[in-house]
Amino acid sequence: MILHQQVDAAKHSLQSVSYTHLDVYKRQVMEILREIYDEVTSGNEIRSAIAASNRHKNYPLSKIDGTSMWQTGIQIRANRNSNRIPIHPVTAGIYIATMMAQVNLLKEKGHSYSEIA
């Protein structure tokens, strides 16, 4: 019964999203991925990471594993049945569109498929 409800909900969600919508999303996310790629290839990203690391020497991060948020997350994950988590078709489509945009960008920049996968 639950599976049928999830399938019906998925069909309803898919009616509002078409491949055209995912293509539009893919074009939008491509702009973000290009900016990230440019930051990495220019060396800006690694310079920023090194600067942040140096700041942590003077201002170290505190431990978060004892905070209430962290403890709540542990309890939620312990009590959840991963077989009963529904897959939202729109979220899945956006995830795949993002992955394909990244694959296309890396291929466009001359990366081989062995690097991409």
C-alpha atoms as a PDB file:
ATOM      1  CA  MET A   1       0.000   0.000   0.000  1.00  0.00           C
ATOM      2  CA  ILE A   2       2.773   2.442   0.943  1.00  0.00           C
ATOM      3  CA  LEU A   3       4.644   1.689  -2.295  1.00  0.00           C
ATOM      4  CA  HIS A   4       1.520   2.427  -4.357  1.00  0.00           C
ATOM      5  CA  GLN A   5       1.084   5.742  -2.531  1.00  0.00           C
ATOM      6  CA  GLN A   6       4.703   6.672  -3.259  1.00  0.00           C
ATOM      7  CA  VAL A   7       4.312   5.750  -6.940  1.00  0.00           C
ATOM      8  CA  ASP A   8       1.114   7.811  -7.201  1.00  0.00           C
ATOM      9  CA  ALA A   9       2.817  10.768  -5.494  1.00  0.00           C
ATOM     10  CA  ALA A  10       5.797  10.442  -7.838  1.00  0.00           C
ATOM     11  CA  LYS A  11       3.523  10.443 -10.896  1.00  0.00           C
ATOM     12  CA  HIS A  12       1.788  13.574  -9.614  1.00  0.00           C
ATOM     13  CA  SER A  13       5.125  15.332  -8.989  1.00  0.00           C
ATOM     14  CA  LEU A  14       6.451  14.410 -12.414  1.00  0.00           C
ATOM     15  CA  GLN A  15       3.461  16.006 -14.110  1.00  0.00           C
ATOM     16  CA  SER A  16       4.739  19.415 -12.995  1.00  0.00           C
ATOM     17  CA  VAL A  17       8.342  18.833 -14.099  1.00  0.00           C
ATOM     18  CA  SER A  18       9.376  18.069 -17.646  1.00  0.00           C
ATOM     19  CA  TYR A  19      12.703  17.465 -19.299  1.00  0.00           C
ATOM     20  CA  THR A  20      12.541  21.090 -20.438  1.00  0.00           C
ATOM     21  CA  HIS A  21      12.492  22.225 -16.812  1.00  0.00           C
ATOM     22  CA  LEU A  22      15.492  20.028 -16.040  1.00  0.00           C
ATOM     23  CA  ASP A  23      17.331  21.398 -19.087  1.00  0.00           C
ATOM     24  CA  VAL A  24      16.701  24.941 -17.850  1.00  0.00           C
ATOM     25  CA  TYR A  25      17.992  23.943 -14.418  1.00  0.00           C
ATOM     26  CA  LYS A  26      21.036  22.284 -15.989  1.00  0.00           C
ATOM     27  CA  ARG A  27      21.878  25.506 -17.866  1.00  0.00           C
ATOM     28  CA  GLN A  28      21.553  27.515 -14.654  1.00  0.00           C
ATOM     29  CA  VAL A  29      23.712  25.162 -12.613  1.00  0.00           C
ATOM     30  CA  MET A  30      26.297  25.136 -15.408  1.00  0.00           C
ATOM     31  CA  GLU A  31      27.026  28.809 -14.627  1.00  0.00           C
ATOM     32  CA  ILE A  32      27.785  27.913 -11.008  1.00  0.00           C
ATOM     33  CA  LEU A  33      29.915  24.927 -12.009  1.00  0.00           C
ATOM     34  CA  ARG A  34      31.887  27.076 -14.488  1.00  0.00           C
ATOM     35  CA  GLU A  35      32.611  29.607 -11.738  1.00  0.00           C
ATOM     36  CA  ILE A  36      33.783  26.831  -9.405  1.00  0.00           C
ATOM     37  CA  TYR A  37      35.929  25.329 -12.173  1.00  0.00           C
ATOM     38  CA  ASP A  38      37.496  28.725 -12.919  1.00  0.00           C
ATOM     39  CA  GLU A  39      38.240  29.291  -9.212  1.00  0.00           C
ATOM     40  CA  VAL A  40      40.018  25.929  -9.021  1.00  0.00           C
ATOM     41  CA  THR A  41      42.010  26.304 -12.256  1.00  0.00           C
ATOM     42  CA  SER A  42      43.099  29.858 -11.385  1.00  0.00           C
ATOM     43  CA  GLY A  43      44.403  28.735  -7.991  1.00  0.00           C
ATOM     44  CA  ASN A  44      41.999  31.004  -6.077  1.00  0.00           C
ATOM     45  CA  GLU A  45      40.250  28.073  -4.404  1.00  0.00           C
ATOM     46  CA  ILE A  46      43.442  26.555  -2.958  1.00  0.00           C
ATOM     47  CA  ARG A  47      44.701  29.979  -1.841  1.00  0.00           C
ATOM     48  CA  SER A  48      41.416  30.489   0.013  1.00  0.00           C
ATOM     49  CA  ALA A  49      41.687  27.047   1.636  1.00  0.00           C
ATOM     50  CA  ILE A  50      45.268  27.736   2.762  1.00  0.00           C
ATOM     51  CA  ALA A  51      44.275  31.144   4.176  1.00  0.00           C
ATOM     52  CA  ALA A  52      41.389  29.559   6.082  1.00  0.00           C
ATOM     53  CA  SER A  53      43.716  26.885   7.432  1.00  0.00           C
ATOM     54  CA  ASN A  54      46.132  29.556   8.639  1.00  0.00           C
ATOM     55  CA  ARG A  55      43.296  31.426  10.369  1.00  0.00           C
ATOM     56  CA  HIS A  56      42.374  28.248  12.244  1.00  0.00           C
ATOM     57  CA  LYS A  57      45.806  28.280  13.882  1.00  0.00           C
ATOM     58  CA  ASN A  58      44.819  31.508  15.664  1.00  0.00           C
ATOM     59  CA  TYR A  59      41.093  30.809  15.925  1.00  0.00           C
ATOM     60  CA  PRO A  60      40.618  27.041  16.174  1.00  0.00           C
ATOM     61  CA  LEU A  61      37.226  25.496  15.603  1.00  0.00           C
ATOM     62  CA  SER A  62      35.506  24.058  18.633  1.00  0.00           C
ATOM     63  CA  LYS A  63      34.303  20.465  18.787  1.00  0.00           C
ATOM     64  CA  ILE A  64      30.715  20.093  17.674  1.00  0.00           C
ATOM     65  CA  ASP A  65      30.101  16.417  18.356  1.00  0.00           C
ATOM     66  CA  GLY A  66      28.693  17.139  21.803  1.00  0.00           C
ATOM     67  CA  THR A  67      26.239  19.833  20.725  1.00  0.00           C
ATOM     68  CA  SER A  68      22.501  19.195  20.916  1.00  0.00           C
ATOM     69  CA  MET A  69      22.175  19.375  17.125  1.00  0.00           C
ATOM     70  CA  TRP A  70      24.816  16.685  16.666  1.00  0.00           C
ATOM     71  CA  GLN A  71      23.282  14.448  19.336  1.00  0.00           C
ATOM     72  CA  THR A  72      19.815  14.885  17.810  1.00  0.00           C
ATOM     73  CA  GLY A  73      21.174  13.820  14.427  1.00  0.00           C
ATOM     74  CA  ILE A  74      22.667  10.671  15.944  1.00  0.00           C
ATOM     75  CA  GLN A  75      19.304   9.767  17.507  1.00  0.00           C
ATOM     76  CA  ILE A  76      17.357  10.436  14.310  1.00  0.00           C
ATOM     77  CA  ARG A  77      19.697   8.325  12.175  1.00  0.00           C
ATOM     78  CA  ALA A  78      19.592   5.480  14.727  1.00  0.00           C
ATOM     79  CA  ASN A  79      15.778   5.408  14.689  1.00  0.00           C
ATOM     80  CA  ARG A  80      15.205   5.803  10.959  1.00  0.00           C
ATOM     81  CA  ASN A  81      14.537   2.925   8.608  1.00  0.00           C
ATOM     82  CA  SER A  82      16.471   3.748   5.437  1.00  0.00           C
ATOM     83  CA  ASN A  83      14.215   1.408   3.427  1.00  0.00           C
ATOM     84  CA  ARG A  84      11.227   3.652   4.150  1.00  0.00           C
ATOM     85  CA  ILE A  85      12.708   6.989   3.056  1.00  0.00           C
ATOM     86  CA  PRO A  86      10.768   8.107  -0.026  1.00  0.00           C
ATOM     87  CA  ILE A  87      12.597   9.202  -3.149  1.00  0.00           C
ATOM     88  CA  HIS A  88      11.318  12.571  -4.353  1.00  0.00           C
ATOM     89  CA  PRO A  89      11.371  12.530  -8.170  1.00  0.00           C
ATOM     90  CA  VAL A  90      12.001  16.270  -8.582  1.00  0.00           C
ATOM     91  CA  THR A  91      14.948  16.172  -6.175  1.00  0.00           C
ATOM     92  CA  ALA A  92      16.308  13.099  -7.965  1.00  0.00           C
ATOM     93  CA  GLY A  93      15.940  14.855 -11.326  1.00  0.00           C
ATOM     94  CA  ILE A  94      17.746  17.960 -10.111  1.00  0.00           C
ATOM     95  CA  TYR A  95      20.547  15.807  -8.687  1.00  0.00           C
ATOM     96  CA  ILE A  96      20.973  13.990 -12.011  1.00  0.00           C
ATOM     97  CA  ALA A  97      20.821  17.271 -13.976  1.00  0.00           C
ATOM     98  CA  THR A  98      23.592  18.685 -11.775  1.00  0.00           C
ATOM     99  CA  MET A  99      25.723  15.578 -12.233  1.00  0.00           C
ATOM    100  CA  MET A 100      25.263  15.668 -16.009  1.00  0.00           C
ATOM    101  CA  ALA A 101      26.127  19.378 -16.133  1.00  0.00           C
ATOM    102  CA  GLN A 102      29.338  18.599 -14.254  1.00  0.00           C
ATOM    103  CA  VAL A 103      30.162  15.731 -16.624  1.00  0.00           C
ATOM    104  CA  ASN A 104      29.526  17.984 -19.633  1.00  0.00           C
ATOM    105  CA  LEU A 105      31.704  20.772 -18.223  1.00  0.00           C
ATOM    106  CA  LEU A 106      34.616  18.466 -17.430  1.00  0.00           C
ATOM    107  CA  LYS A 107      34.391  16.866 -20.885  1.00  0.00           C
ATOM    108  CA  GLU A 108      34.234  20.340 -22.477  1.00  0.00           C
ATOM    109  CA  LYS A 109      37.411  21.288 -20.571  1.00  0.00           C
ATOM    110  CA  GLY A 110      39.257  18.292 -21.994  1.00  0.00           C
ATOM    111  CA  HIS A 111      39.056  15.831 -19.123  1.00  0.00           C
ATOM    112  CA  SER A 112      38.930  12.157 -20.042  1.00  0.00           C
ATOM    113  CA  TYR A 113      36.036  10.003 -18.905  1.00  0.00           C
ATOM    114  CA  SER A 114      38.416   8.103 -16.608  1.00  0.00           C
ATOM    115  CA  GLU A 115      38.964  11.382 -14.708  1.00  0.00           C
ATOM    116  CA  ILE A 116      35.271  12.289 -14.750  1.00  0.00           C
ATOM    117  CA  ALA A 117      33.984   8.973 -13.422  1.00  0.00           C
END
